Amino acid sequence: MYEINQQSLLKPQYKMGFDMLAKLLGFSRNHLNYRLKMLNQSRNTVLNALEAESKVVKRLLDDPNYVVKPEDIWSKK
């Protein structure tokens, strides 16, 4: 990534800009934004479905300090 940025920018960086990423992937910036939006929507749909069906997933999403224990996964509660 550093070498690619070095070719395109005056000051090479270890981060890649959105425009450069789109160019490398062969997309326009708008198309990349659209794909990112679709991925986020799909992710949210899956997480919402999991949250509705699983108490463990709900606790994980609600409490960042929650640690999953084997009995939480295997219990039928």
N, C-alpha and C. Protein backbone atom coordinates (compact mmCIF):
# COMPACT_ATOMS: atom_id res chain seq x y z
N MET A 1 0.84 -1.18 0.00
CA MET A 1 0.00 0.00 0.00
C MET A 1 0.89 1.25 0.00
N TYR A 2 1.95 1.21 0.78
CA TYR A 2 2.86 2.34 0.85
C TYR A 2 3.45 2.65 -0.53
N GLU A 3 3.83 1.60 -1.27
CA GLU A 3 4.43 1.78 -2.59
C GLU A 3 3.42 2.35 -3.59
N ILE A 4 2.17 1.88 -3.51
CA ILE A 4 1.13 2.41 -4.40
C ILE A 4 0.89 3.89 -4.11
N ASN A 5 0.80 4.24 -2.84
CA ASN A 5 0.61 5.64 -2.47
C ASN A 5 1.82 6.47 -2.89
N GLN A 6 3.00 5.90 -2.81
CA GLN A 6 4.22 6.62 -3.16
C GLN A 6 4.20 6.99 -4.65
N GLN A 7 3.63 6.13 -5.48
CA GLN A 7 3.54 6.40 -6.92
C GLN A 7 2.55 7.52 -7.23
N SER A 8 1.51 7.63 -6.42
CA SER A 8 0.42 8.55 -6.73
C SER A 8 0.45 9.86 -5.97
N LEU A 9 1.13 9.90 -4.84
CA LEU A 9 1.11 11.08 -4.00
C LEU A 9 2.50 11.66 -3.81
N LEU A 10 2.55 12.92 -3.49
CA LEU A 10 3.84 13.54 -3.22
C LEU A 10 4.40 13.04 -1.89
N LYS A 11 3.53 12.83 -0.94
CA LYS A 11 3.95 12.36 0.37
C LYS A 11 3.32 10.98 0.61
N PRO A 12 4.10 9.90 0.50
CA PRO A 12 3.53 8.57 0.68
C PRO A 12 2.95 8.37 2.08
N GLN A 13 1.87 7.61 2.14
CA GLN A 13 1.20 7.36 3.40
C GLN A 13 0.89 5.87 3.51
N TYR A 14 0.60 5.45 4.72
CA TYR A 14 0.23 4.06 4.95
C TYR A 14 -1.27 3.86 4.87
N LYS A 15 -2.03 4.93 4.75
CA LYS A 15 -3.48 4.85 4.60
C LYS A 15 -3.81 5.07 3.13
N MET A 16 -4.90 4.47 2.70
CA MET A 16 -5.33 4.63 1.32
C MET A 16 -6.60 5.45 1.28
N GLY A 17 -6.63 6.42 0.41
CA GLY A 17 -7.82 7.24 0.25
C GLY A 17 -8.92 6.49 -0.47
N PHE A 18 -10.14 6.94 -0.29
CA PHE A 18 -11.31 6.31 -0.89
C PHE A 18 -11.22 6.34 -2.41
N ASP A 19 -10.77 7.46 -2.97
CA ASP A 19 -10.65 7.58 -4.42
C ASP A 19 -9.64 6.59 -4.97
N MET A 20 -8.53 6.44 -4.29
CA MET A 20 -7.49 5.51 -4.75
C MET A 20 -7.98 4.06 -4.65
N LEU A 21 -8.69 3.75 -3.58
CA LEU A 21 -9.25 2.41 -3.43
C LEU A 21 -10.23 2.11 -4.56
N ALA A 22 -11.09 3.07 -4.87
CA ALA A 22 -12.05 2.89 -5.96
C ALA A 22 -11.31 2.66 -7.29
N LYS A 23 -10.27 3.41 -7.52
CA LYS A 23 -9.50 3.27 -8.75
C LYS A 23 -8.85 1.90 -8.83
N LEU A 24 -8.27 1.43 -7.73
CA LEU A 24 -7.63 0.12 -7.72
C LEU A 24 -8.63 -1.02 -7.94
N LEU A 25 -9.84 -0.85 -7.42
CA LEU A 25 -10.86 -1.88 -7.57
C LEU A 25 -11.59 -1.78 -8.91
N GLY A 26 -11.35 -0.71 -9.63
CA GLY A 26 -11.98 -0.55 -10.93
C GLY A 26 -13.41 -0.03 -10.85
N PHE A 27 -13.73 0.68 -9.78
CA PHE A 27 -15.06 1.25 -9.59
C PHE A 27 -14.95 2.76 -9.62
N SER A 28 -16.10 3.39 -9.85
CA SER A 28 -16.14 4.84 -9.63
C SER A 28 -16.35 5.05 -8.13
N ARG A 29 -16.12 6.26 -7.68
CA ARG A 29 -16.31 6.56 -6.26
C ARG A 29 -17.78 6.34 -5.86
N ASN A 30 -18.70 6.74 -6.74
CA ASN A 30 -20.13 6.56 -6.45
C ASN A 30 -20.50 5.08 -6.36
N HIS A 31 -19.95 4.27 -7.27
CA HIS A 31 -20.25 2.84 -7.24
C HIS A 31 -19.69 2.21 -5.96
N LEU A 32 -18.52 2.62 -5.55
CA LEU A 32 -17.93 2.10 -4.30
C LEU A 32 -18.77 2.52 -3.10
N ASN A 33 -19.24 3.75 -3.09
CA ASN A 33 -20.14 4.21 -2.02
C ASN A 33 -21.42 3.37 -1.98
N TYR A 34 -21.98 3.10 -3.16
CA TYR A 34 -23.20 2.30 -3.26
C TYR A 34 -22.96 0.89 -2.71
N ARG A 35 -21.85 0.26 -3.12
CA ARG A 35 -21.55 -1.09 -2.64
C ARG A 35 -21.34 -1.12 -1.13
N LEU A 36 -20.69 -0.10 -0.61
CA LEU A 36 -20.49 0.00 0.84
C LEU A 36 -21.83 0.14 1.56
N LYS A 37 -22.72 0.93 1.01
CA LYS A 37 -24.06 1.11 1.59
C LYS A 37 -24.82 -0.22 1.59
N MET A 38 -24.75 -0.97 0.48
CA MET A 38 -25.43 -2.26 0.39
C MET A 38 -24.85 -3.27 1.38
N LEU A 39 -23.54 -3.28 1.55
CA LEU A 39 -22.90 -4.17 2.52
C LEU A 39 -23.34 -3.84 3.95
N ASN A 40 -23.40 -2.55 4.26
CA ASN A 40 -23.83 -2.14 5.60
C ASN A 40 -25.29 -2.52 5.85
N GLN A 41 -26.14 -2.37 4.84
CA GLN A 41 -27.54 -2.76 4.99
C GLN A 41 -27.67 -4.26 5.22
N SER A 42 -26.91 -5.04 4.47
CA SER A 42 -26.95 -6.50 4.64
C SER A 42 -26.47 -6.89 6.02
N ARG A 43 -25.40 -6.26 6.46
CA ARG A 43 -24.85 -6.55 7.79
C ARG A 43 -25.88 -6.23 8.87
N ASN A 44 -26.53 -5.07 8.75
CA ASN A 44 -27.54 -4.69 9.74
C ASN A 44 -28.74 -5.63 9.74
N THR A 45 -29.13 -6.10 8.56
CA THR A 45 -30.24 -7.04 8.46
C THR A 45 -29.91 -8.34 9.19
N VAL A 46 -28.70 -8.84 8.96
CA VAL A 46 -28.28 -10.08 9.62
C VAL A 46 -28.18 -9.88 11.13
N LEU A 47 -27.59 -8.79 11.56
CA LEU A 47 -27.47 -8.53 13.00
C LEU A 47 -28.83 -8.36 13.66
N ASN A 48 -29.77 -7.70 12.99
CA ASN A 48 -31.12 -7.54 13.54
C ASN A 48 -31.82 -8.88 13.67
N ALA A 49 -31.66 -9.74 12.67
CA ALA A 49 -32.28 -11.07 12.72
C ALA A 49 -31.67 -11.89 13.85
N LEU A 50 -30.35 -11.85 13.98
CA LEU A 50 -29.67 -12.58 15.06
C LEU A 50 -30.09 -12.05 16.43
N GLU A 51 -30.17 -10.74 16.53
CA GLU A 51 -30.55 -10.13 17.81
C GLU A 51 -31.96 -10.55 18.22
N ALA A 52 -32.85 -10.66 17.25
CA ALA A 52 -34.23 -11.04 17.54
C ALA A 52 -34.33 -12.50 17.97
N GLU A 53 -33.42 -13.34 17.47
CA GLU A 53 -33.51 -14.78 17.73
C GLU A 53 -32.59 -15.27 18.84
N SER A 54 -31.55 -14.54 19.17
CA SER A 54 -30.55 -15.06 20.10
C SER A 54 -30.32 -14.10 21.26
N LYS A 55 -30.51 -14.61 22.47
CA LYS A 55 -30.25 -13.80 23.66
C LYS A 55 -28.77 -13.48 23.80
N VAL A 56 -27.90 -14.42 23.39
CA VAL A 56 -26.45 -14.21 23.50
C VAL A 56 -26.02 -13.07 22.58
N VAL A 57 -26.51 -13.08 21.35
CA VAL A 57 -26.16 -12.01 20.41
C VAL A 57 -26.70 -10.68 20.89
N LYS A 58 -27.91 -10.68 21.42
CA LYS A 58 -28.49 -9.44 21.96
C LYS A 58 -27.61 -8.88 23.07
N ARG A 59 -27.15 -9.74 23.98
CA ARG A 59 -26.28 -9.28 25.07
C ARG A 59 -24.95 -8.77 24.53
N LEU A 60 -24.40 -9.45 23.51
CA LEU A 60 -23.14 -9.00 22.92
C LEU A 60 -23.27 -7.62 22.29
N LEU A 61 -24.38 -7.39 21.63
CA LEU A 61 -24.59 -6.09 20.98
C LEU A 61 -24.90 -4.99 21.99
N ASP A 62 -25.57 -5.34 23.08
CA ASP A 62 -25.95 -4.35 24.09
C ASP A 62 -24.83 -4.03 25.07
N ASP A 63 -24.00 -5.02 25.39
CA ASP A 63 -22.97 -4.86 26.42
C ASP A 63 -21.60 -5.20 25.85
N PRO A 64 -20.76 -4.19 25.57
CA PRO A 64 -19.45 -4.45 24.97
C PRO A 64 -18.51 -5.23 25.90
N ASN A 65 -18.80 -5.27 27.19
CA ASN A 65 -17.94 -5.98 28.14
C ASN A 65 -18.39 -7.42 28.40
N TYR A 66 -19.47 -7.83 27.77
CA TYR A 66 -20.01 -9.17 27.97
C TYR A 66 -19.06 -10.21 27.37
N VAL A 67 -18.79 -11.25 28.13
CA VAL A 67 -17.93 -12.34 27.67
C VAL A 67 -18.81 -13.59 27.52
N VAL A 68 -18.78 -14.18 26.34
CA VAL A 68 -19.59 -15.36 26.08
C VAL A 68 -18.95 -16.57 26.74
N LYS A 69 -19.80 -17.32 27.46
CA LYS A 69 -19.36 -18.56 28.10
C LYS A 69 -19.99 -19.73 27.36
N PRO A 70 -19.34 -20.89 27.36
CA PRO A 70 -19.90 -22.05 26.64
C PRO A 70 -21.33 -22.38 27.06
N GLU A 71 -21.63 -22.25 28.35
CA GLU A 71 -22.99 -22.57 28.78
C GLU A 71 -24.03 -21.59 28.23
N ASP A 72 -23.61 -20.36 27.88
CA ASP A 72 -24.53 -19.41 27.27
C ASP A 72 -24.93 -19.87 25.86
N ILE A 73 -23.99 -20.46 25.17
CA ILE A 73 -24.25 -20.90 23.79
C ILE A 73 -25.08 -22.18 23.77
N TRP A 74 -24.77 -23.11 24.65
CA TRP A 74 -25.38 -24.42 24.60
C TRP A 74 -26.66 -24.54 25.42
N SER A 75 -26.97 -23.55 26.24
CA SER A 75 -28.21 -23.64 27.00
C SER A 75 -29.41 -23.37 26.11
N LYS A 76 -30.53 -23.96 26.42
CA LYS A 76 -31.75 -23.82 25.59
C LYS A 76 -32.69 -22.77 26.14
N LYS A 77 -32.21 -21.92 27.02
CA LYS A 77 -33.04 -20.87 27.62
C LYS A 77 -33.39 -19.82 26.61
